[in-house]
C-alpha atoms as a PDB file:
ATOM      1  CA  MET A   1     169.676 -54.413  68.868  1.00  0.00           C
ATOM      2  CA  PRO A   2     170.892 -52.906  72.169  1.00  0.00           C
ATOM      3  CA  ASN A   3     173.850 -54.482  73.981  1.00  0.00           C
ATOM      4  CA  ASN A   4     171.602 -55.778  76.749  1.00  0.00           C
ATOM      5  CA  PRO A   5     168.171 -56.425  75.219  1.00  0.00           C
ATOM      6  CA  ALA A   6     165.255 -57.577  77.357  1.00  0.00           C
ATOM      7  CA  LEU A   7     165.502 -61.336  77.305  1.00  0.00           C
ATOM      8  CA  SER A   8     162.983 -63.893  78.506  1.00  0.00           C
ATOM      9  CA  PHE A   9     162.997 -67.680  78.638  1.00  0.00           C
ATOM     10  CA  ARG A  10     160.059 -70.044  78.334  1.00  0.00           C
ATOM     11  CA  ASP A  11     159.054 -73.524  77.339  1.00  0.00           C
ATOM     12  CA  ALA A  12     158.684 -73.815  73.594  1.00  0.00           C
ATOM     13  CA  ARG A  13     155.272 -74.129  71.993  1.00  0.00           C
ATOM     14  CA  ARG A  14     154.509 -76.147  68.901  1.00  0.00           C
ATOM     15  CA  ASP A  15     154.124 -72.938  66.882  1.00  0.00           C
ATOM     16  CA  ASP A  16     157.781 -72.123  67.724  1.00  0.00           C
ATOM     17  CA  LEU A  17     158.996 -75.187  65.842  1.00  0.00           C
ATOM     18  CA  ASN A  18     159.981 -73.425  62.597  1.00  0.00           C
ATOM     19  CA  ASP A  19     161.961 -70.802  64.517  1.00  0.00           C
ATOM     20  CA  ILE A  20     163.764 -73.516  66.491  1.00  0.00           C
ATOM     21  CA  ILE A  21     164.606 -75.546  63.381  1.00  0.00           C
ATOM     22  CA  ASN A  22     165.929 -72.392  61.705  1.00  0.00           C
ATOM     23  CA  LEU A  23     168.156 -71.724  64.726  1.00  0.00           C
ATOM     24  CA  LEU A  24     169.462 -75.302  64.652  1.00  0.00           C
ATOM     25  CA  ALA A  25     170.291 -74.886  60.952  1.00  0.00           C
ATOM     26  CA  ASP A  26     171.939 -71.477  61.521  1.00  0.00           C
ATOM     27  CA  ASP A  27     175.526 -72.707  61.528  1.00  0.00           C
ATOM     28  CA  PRO A  28     177.727 -74.718  59.158  1.00  0.00           C
ATOM     29  CA  MET A  29     177.180 -78.031  60.947  1.00  0.00           C
ATOM     30  CA  GLY A  30     173.432 -77.590  61.432  1.00  0.00           C
ATOM     31  CA  ALA A  31     172.968 -76.442  57.841  1.00  0.00           C
ATOM     32  CA  LYS A  32     174.123 -79.909  56.714  1.00  0.00           C
ATOM     33  CA  ARG A  33     171.885 -81.931  58.998  1.00  0.00           C
ATOM     34  CA  GLU A  34     168.635 -79.999  59.474  1.00  0.00           C
ATOM     35  CA  SER A  35     165.685 -79.786  57.070  1.00  0.00           C
ATOM     36  CA  VAL A  36     164.328 -76.259  56.880  1.00  0.00           C
ATOM     37  CA  ASP A  37     160.885 -76.081  55.268  1.00  0.00           C
ATOM     38  CA  SER A  38     157.906 -73.786  55.638  1.00  0.00           C
ATOM     39  CA  VAL A  39     156.088 -76.615  57.437  1.00  0.00           C
ATOM     40  CA  PRO A  40     158.144 -78.664  59.913  1.00  0.00           C
ATOM     41  CA  ALA A  41     158.785 -82.211  58.689  1.00  0.00           C
ATOM     42  CA  PRO A  42     156.895 -84.976  60.522  1.00  0.00           C
ATOM     43  CA  GLN A  43     160.013 -86.142  62.372  1.00  0.00           C
ATOM     44  CA  TYR A  44     160.398 -82.693  63.978  1.00  0.00           C
ATOM     45  CA  ARG A  45     156.757 -82.626  65.028  1.00  0.00           C
ATOM     46  CA  ALA A  46     157.059 -86.137  66.495  1.00  0.00           C
ATOM     47  CA  ALA A  47     160.244 -85.189  68.367  1.00  0.00           C
ATOM     48  CA  PHE A  48     158.608 -82.046  69.741  1.00  0.00           C
ATOM     49  CA  ASP A  49     155.599 -84.065  70.932  1.00  0.00           C
ATOM     50  CA  ALA A  50     157.879 -86.623  72.642  1.00  0.00           C
ATOM     51  CA  ILE A  51     159.865 -83.887  74.414  1.00  0.00           C
ATOM     52  CA  GLU A  52     156.698 -82.111  75.494  1.00  0.00           C
ATOM     53  CA  ALA A  53     155.208 -85.363  76.866  1.00  0.00           C
ATOM     54  CA  ASP A  54     158.298 -86.242  78.939  1.00  0.00           C
ATOM     55  CA  PRO A  55     158.349 -84.528  82.354  1.00  0.00           C
ATOM     56  CA  ASN A  56     162.166 -84.751  82.435  1.00  0.00           C
ATOM     57  CA  ASN A  57     162.614 -82.976  79.109  1.00  0.00           C
ATOM     58  CA  ARG A  58     162.047 -79.354  78.188  1.00  0.00           C
ATOM     59  CA  LEU A  59     162.620 -77.461  74.989  1.00  0.00           C
ATOM     60  CA  ILE A  60     163.363 -73.872  75.980  1.00  0.00           C
ATOM     61  CA  VAL A  61     163.404 -70.741  73.838  1.00  0.00           C
ATOM     62  CA  ALA A  62     165.016 -67.385  74.520  1.00  0.00           C
ATOM     63  CA  GLN A  63     163.092 -64.343  73.307  1.00  0.00           C
ATOM     64  CA  THR A  64     163.731 -60.665  72.801  1.00  0.00           C
ATOM     65  CA  GLY A  65     160.341 -59.081  72.314  1.00  0.00           C
ATOM     66  CA  GLU A  66     158.460 -61.358  69.944  1.00  0.00           C
ATOM     67  CA  ASN A  67     161.641 -62.775  68.354  1.00  0.00           C
ATOM     68  CA  ILE A  68     162.962 -66.199  69.269  1.00  0.00           C
ATOM     69  CA  VAL A  69     166.723 -65.725  69.433  1.00  0.00           C
ATOM     70  CA  GLY A  70     167.851 -68.922  71.160  1.00  0.00           C
ATOM     71  CA  CYS A  71     166.932 -72.480  71.995  1.00  0.00           C
ATOM     72  CA  MET A  72     168.130 -75.406  74.069  1.00  0.00           C
ATOM     73  CA  GLN A  73     166.916 -78.764  75.269  1.00  0.00           C
ATOM     74  CA  LEU A  74     167.115 -79.244  79.019  1.00  0.00           C
ATOM     75  CA  THR A  75     166.893 -82.810  80.314  1.00  0.00           C
ATOM     76  CA  LEU A  76     166.860 -84.002  83.905  1.00  0.00           C
ATOM     77  CA  ILE A  77     168.600 -87.360  84.301  1.00  0.00           C
ATOM     78  CA  PRO A  78     167.969 -89.137  87.587  1.00  0.00           C
ATOM     79  CA  GLY A  79     170.799 -91.494  88.459  1.00  0.00           C
ATOM     80  CA  LEU A  80     172.191 -93.817  91.079  1.00  0.00           C
ATOM     81  CA  SER A  81     175.803 -92.675  90.824  1.00  0.00           C
ATOM     82  CA  ARG A  82     177.052 -89.780  92.943  1.00  0.00           C
ATOM     83  CA  ASN A  83     174.693 -90.816  95.733  1.00  0.00           C
ATOM     84  CA  GLY A  84     171.577 -90.718  93.590  1.00  0.00           C
ATOM     85  CA  ALA A  85     172.338 -87.374  91.959  1.00  0.00           C
ATOM     86  CA  THR A  86     170.157 -85.884  89.275  1.00  0.00           C
ATOM     87  CA  ARG A  87     172.063 -84.319  86.388  1.00  0.00           C
ATOM     88  CA  GLY A  88     170.932 -81.533  84.154  1.00  0.00           C
ATOM     89  CA  GLN A  89     171.837 -82.170  80.520  1.00  0.00           C
ATOM     90  CA  ILE A  90     171.873 -79.161  78.197  1.00  0.00           C
ATOM     91  CA  GLU A  91     171.860 -79.896  74.469  1.00  0.00           C
ATOM     92  CA  SER A  92     170.973 -78.406  71.084  1.00  0.00           C
ATOM     93  CA  VAL A  93     171.970 -74.924  72.176  1.00  0.00           C
ATOM     94  CA  ARG A  94     171.767 -72.124  69.643  1.00  0.00           C
ATOM     95  CA  ILE A  95     171.785 -68.356  69.705  1.00  0.00           C
ATOM     96  CA  ALA A  96     170.884 -66.594  66.444  1.00  0.00           C
ATOM     97  CA  SER A  97     174.144 -66.124  64.549  1.00  0.00           C
ATOM     98  CA  HIS A  98     173.755 -62.351  64.197  1.00  0.00           C
ATOM     99  CA  LEU A  99     173.517 -62.050  68.012  1.00  0.00           C
ATOM    100  CA  ARG A 100     176.375 -64.344  69.060  1.00  0.00           C
ATOM    101  CA  GLY A 101     179.072 -62.744  71.157  1.00  0.00           C
ATOM    102  CA  GLY A 102     176.718 -60.216  72.752  1.00  0.00           C
ATOM    103  CA  GLY A 103     176.095 -61.971  76.074  1.00  0.00           C
ATOM    104  CA  LEU A 104     172.742 -63.619  75.290  1.00  0.00           C
ATOM    105  CA  GLY A 105     174.230 -67.115  75.463  1.00  0.00           C
ATOM    106  CA  LYS A 106     175.731 -66.410  78.875  1.00  0.00           C
ATOM    107  CA  ARG A 107     172.403 -65.139  80.171  1.00  0.00           C
ATOM    108  CA  PHE A 108     170.639 -68.204  78.704  1.00  0.00           C
ATOM    109  CA  PHE A 109     173.064 -70.568  80.431  1.00  0.00           C
ATOM    110  CA  GLU A 110     172.845 -68.721  83.735  1.00  0.00           C
ATOM    111  CA  TRP A 111     169.074 -69.181  83.579  1.00  0.00           C
ATOM    112  CA  ALA A 112     169.409 -72.892  82.651  1.00  0.00           C
ATOM    113  CA  ILE A 113     171.900 -73.611  85.451  1.00  0.00           C
ATOM    114  CA  LYS A 114     169.653 -71.867  87.971  1.00  0.00           C
ATOM    115  CA  GLU A 115     166.713 -73.907  86.664  1.00  0.00           C
ATOM    116  CA  CYS A 116     168.688 -77.154  87.070  1.00  0.00           C
ATOM    117  CA  ARG A 117     169.584 -76.242  90.652  1.00  0.00           C
ATOM    118  CA  ALA A 118     165.933 -75.457  91.382  1.00  0.00           C
ATOM    119  CA  GLN A 119     165.051 -78.947  90.109  1.00  0.00           C
ATOM    120  CA  GLY A 120     167.544 -80.548  92.513  1.00  0.00           C
ATOM    121  CA  CYS A 121     170.351 -81.236  90.058  1.00  0.00           C
ATOM    122  CA  ARG A 122     173.783 -81.640  91.570  1.00  0.00           C
ATOM    123  CA  MET A 123     175.589 -81.067  88.295  1.00  0.00           C
ATOM    124  CA  VAL A 124     174.999 -79.734  84.820  1.00  0.00           C
ATOM    125  CA  GLN A 125     176.613 -81.348  81.816  1.00  0.00           C
ATOM    126  CA  LEU A 126     176.650 -80.938  78.070  1.00  0.00           C
ATOM    127  CA  THR A 127     178.345 -82.222  74.973  1.00  0.00           C
ATOM    128  CA  THR A 128     179.742 -80.183  72.139  1.00  0.00           C
ATOM    129  CA  ASP A 129     181.160 -81.298  68.836  1.00  0.00           C
ATOM    130  CA  LYS A 130     184.962 -81.194  68.791  1.00  0.00           C
ATOM    131  CA  SER A 131     184.850 -78.944  65.728  1.00  0.00           C
ATOM    132  CA  ARG A 132     182.950 -76.238  67.655  1.00  0.00           C
ATOM    133  CA  LYS A 133     186.023 -74.510  69.075  1.00  0.00           C
ATOM    134  CA  ASN A 134     184.225 -71.228  69.858  1.00  0.00           C
ATOM    135  CA  ALA A 135     181.449 -73.079  71.690  1.00  0.00           C
ATOM    136  CA  ARG A 136     184.010 -74.979  73.735  1.00  0.00           C
ATOM    137  CA  ARG A 137     185.759 -71.745  74.777  1.00  0.00           C
ATOM    138  CA  PHE A 138     182.359 -70.274  75.678  1.00  0.00           C
ATOM    139  CA  TYR A 139     181.475 -73.264  77.880  1.00  0.00           C
ATOM    140  CA  GLU A 140     184.875 -73.148  79.568  1.00  0.00           C
ATOM    141  CA  ARG A 141     184.379 -69.448  80.387  1.00  0.00           C
ATOM    142  CA  LEU A 142     181.133 -70.461  82.096  1.00  0.00           C
ATOM    143  CA  GLY A 143     183.058 -72.922  84.289  1.00  0.00           C
ATOM    144  CA  PHE A 144     182.422 -76.179  82.416  1.00  0.00           C
ATOM    145  CA  GLU A 145     185.358 -78.588  82.313  1.00  0.00           C
ATOM    146  CA  ALA A 146     186.102 -81.263  79.735  1.00  0.00           C
ATOM    147  CA  THR A 147     186.393 -84.114  82.253  1.00  0.00           C
ATOM    148  CA  HIS A 148     185.171 -86.960  80.021  1.00  0.00           C
ATOM    149  CA  ASP A 149     185.305 -88.055  76.405  1.00  0.00           C
ATOM    150  CA  GLY A 150     181.908 -88.511  74.816  1.00  0.00           C
ATOM    151  CA  MET A 151     181.299 -91.276  72.344  1.00  0.00           C
ATOM    152  CA  LYS A 152     178.479 -91.851  69.866  1.00  0.00           C
ATOM    153  CA  LEU A 153     177.197 -94.695  67.763  1.00  0.00           C
ATOM    154  CA  SER A 154     175.091 -93.296  64.929  1.00  0.00           C
ATOM    155  CA  PHE A 155     172.536 -95.298  62.963  1.00  0.00           C
END
Protein backbone atom coordinates (compact mmCIF):
# COMPACT_ATOMS: atom_id res chain seq x y z
CA MET A 1 0.00 0.00 0.00
CA PRO A 2 1.39 3.48 -0.79
CA ASN A 3 2.76 5.64 2.03
CA ASN A 4 -0.17 8.03 1.77
CA PRO A 5 -3.17 6.02 0.56
CA ALA A 6 -6.50 7.70 -0.14
CA LEU A 7 -8.31 7.58 3.16
CA SER A 8 -11.94 8.35 3.90
CA PHE A 9 -13.98 8.38 7.09
CA ARG A 10 -17.66 7.61 7.53
CA ASP A 11 -20.24 6.39 9.98
CA ALA A 12 -20.21 2.62 10.22
CA ARG A 13 -23.01 0.55 8.74
CA ARG A 14 -24.32 -2.67 10.19
CA ASP A 15 -22.65 -4.64 7.38
CA ASP A 16 -19.28 -3.27 8.61
CA LEU A 17 -19.66 -5.05 11.94
CA ASN A 18 -17.47 -8.08 11.15
CA ASP A 19 -14.66 -5.83 9.91
CA ILE A 20 -14.88 -3.70 13.06
CA ILE A 21 -14.86 -6.71 15.38
CA ASN A 22 -11.84 -8.10 13.52
CA LEU A 23 -10.03 -4.78 13.99
CA LEU A 24 -10.85 -4.77 17.71
CA ALA A 25 -9.45 -8.31 18.00
CA ASP A 26 -6.32 -7.42 15.98
CA ASP A 27 -3.99 -6.95 18.93
CA PRO A 28 -2.93 -9.05 21.93
CA MET A 29 -5.40 -7.44 24.34
CA GLY A 30 -8.35 -7.47 21.93
CA ALA A 31 -7.65 -11.06 20.90
CA LYS A 32 -8.40 -12.11 24.50
CA ARG A 33 -11.65 -10.22 24.89
CA GLU A 34 -13.38 -10.14 21.49
CA SER A 35 -15.41 -12.93 19.86
CA VAL A 36 -14.62 -13.21 16.17
CA ASP A 37 -17.18 -15.28 14.26
CA SER A 38 -18.47 -15.26 10.71
CA VAL A 39 -21.74 -13.81 12.03
CA PRO A 40 -21.46 -11.13 14.73
CA ALA A 41 -22.67 -12.35 18.12
CA PRO A 42 -25.97 -10.87 19.35
CA GLN A 43 -24.25 -8.64 21.90
CA TYR A 44 -22.29 -6.90 19.12
CA ARG A 45 -25.42 -6.37 17.06
CA ALA A 46 -27.25 -4.97 20.10
CA ALA A 47 -24.33 -2.65 20.91
CA PHE A 48 -24.19 -1.43 17.31
CA ASP A 49 -27.94 -0.73 17.34
CA ALA A 50 -27.64 1.21 20.63
CA ILE A 51 -24.75 3.32 19.30
CA GLU A 52 -26.57 4.00 16.05
CA ALA A 53 -29.74 5.06 17.92
CA ASP A 54 -27.92 7.52 20.21
CA PRO A 55 -27.40 10.95 18.61
CA ASN A 56 -24.35 11.56 20.84
CA ASN A 57 -22.59 8.37 19.76
CA ARG A 58 -20.99 7.48 16.45
CA LEU A 59 -19.07 4.45 15.33
CA ILE A 60 -16.66 5.63 12.65
CA VAL A 61 -14.66 3.60 10.14
CA ALA A 62 -11.60 4.59 8.14
CA GLN A 63 -11.41 3.21 4.61
CA THR A 64 -8.83 2.90 1.88
CA GLY A 65 -10.74 1.98 -1.25
CA GLU A 66 -13.22 -0.68 -0.21
CA ASN A 67 -11.12 -1.86 2.77
CA ILE A 68 -11.98 -0.86 6.31
CA VAL A 69 -8.62 -0.16 7.92
CA GLY A 70 -9.62 1.62 11.13
CA CYS A 71 -12.41 2.22 13.59
CA MET A 72 -13.26 4.36 16.59
CA GLN A 73 -16.23 5.29 18.71
CA LEU A 74 -16.82 9.01 19.03
CA THR A 75 -19.09 10.17 21.85
CA LEU A 76 -20.24 13.68 22.65
CA ILE A 77 -20.64 14.23 26.39
CA PRO A 78 -22.56 17.34 27.38
CA GLY A 79 -21.58 18.54 30.83
CA LEU A 80 -22.02 21.26 33.40
CA SER A 81 -18.36 21.54 34.39
CA ARG A 82 -16.05 23.89 32.51
CA ASN A 83 -18.93 26.30 31.97
CA GLY A 84 -21.20 23.74 30.33
CA ALA A 85 -18.55 22.33 28.00
CA THR A 86 -19.21 19.41 25.72
CA ARG A 87 -16.40 16.86 25.57
CA GLY A 88 -15.55 14.57 22.73
CA GLN A 89 -14.66 11.08 23.94
CA ILE A 90 -12.71 8.86 21.55
CA GLU A 91 -12.62 5.15 22.35
CA SER A 92 -12.11 1.72 20.80
CA VAL A 93 -9.55 3.03 18.34
CA ARG A 94 -7.88 0.57 16.01
CA ILE A 95 -5.85 0.74 12.84
CA ALA A 96 -5.22 -2.56 11.04
CA SER A 97 -2.01 -3.97 12.49
CA HIS A 98 -0.25 -4.27 9.12
CA LEU A 99 -0.79 -0.52 8.54
CA ARG A 100 0.21 0.85 11.95
CA GLY A 101 3.04 3.35 11.94
CA GLY A 102 2.23 4.67 8.46
CA GLY A 103 0.33 7.82 9.43
CA LEU A 104 -3.24 6.53 9.07
CA GLY A 105 -3.91 6.82 12.80
CA LYS A 106 -2.73 10.42 12.83
CA ARG A 107 -4.99 11.27 9.91
CA PHE A 108 -7.91 9.49 11.63
CA PHE A 109 -7.39 11.48 14.83
CA GLU A 110 -7.01 14.77 12.98
CA TRP A 111 -10.38 14.08 11.36
CA ALA A 112 -11.97 13.10 14.71
CA ILE A 113 -10.66 16.20 16.51
CA LYS A 114 -11.92 18.43 13.70
CA GLU A 115 -15.29 16.67 13.92
CA CYS A 116 -15.45 17.26 17.69
CA ARG A 117 -14.69 20.95 17.21
CA ALA A 118 -17.40 21.19 14.56
CA GLN A 119 -19.84 19.71 17.09
CA GLY A 120 -18.94 22.40 19.65
CA CYS A 121 -16.65 20.34 21.86
CA ARG A 122 -14.21 22.30 23.97
CA MET A 123 -11.97 19.32 24.62
CA VAL A 124 -11.28 15.84 23.36
CA GLN A 125 -10.41 13.05 25.74
CA LEU A 126 -9.67 9.35 25.61
CA THR A 127 -8.54 6.49 27.76
CA THR A 128 -5.90 3.93 26.94
CA ASP A 129 -4.88 0.83 28.81
CA LYS A 130 -1.66 1.32 30.76
CA SER A 131 -0.14 -1.67 28.97
CA ARG A 132 -0.52 0.05 25.57
CA LYS A 133 2.78 1.93 25.68
CA ASN A 134 2.95 2.55 21.91
CA ALA A 135 -0.60 3.92 21.89
CA ARG A 136 0.24 6.25 24.76
CA ARG A 137 3.30 7.61 22.92
CA PHE A 138 1.14 8.07 19.81
CA TYR A 139 -1.50 10.05 21.74
CA GLU A 140 1.17 12.19 23.38
CA ARG A 141 2.64 13.04 19.95
CA LEU A 142 -0.83 14.25 18.97
CA GLY A 143 -0.84 16.62 21.97
CA PHE A 144 -2.87 14.59 24.47
CA GLU A 145 -1.71 14.83 28.08
CA ALA A 146 -2.19 12.31 30.86
CA THR A 147 -3.81 14.76 33.29
CA HIS A 148 -6.06 12.31 35.15
CA ASP A 149 -6.06 8.72 36.33
CA GLY A 150 -8.93 6.66 34.98
CA MET A 151 -10.60 4.05 37.11
CA LYS A 152 -12.93 1.19 36.22
CA LEU A 153 -15.25 -1.15 38.04
CA SER A 154 -15.87 -4.21 35.88
CA PHE A 155 -18.82 -6.56 36.30
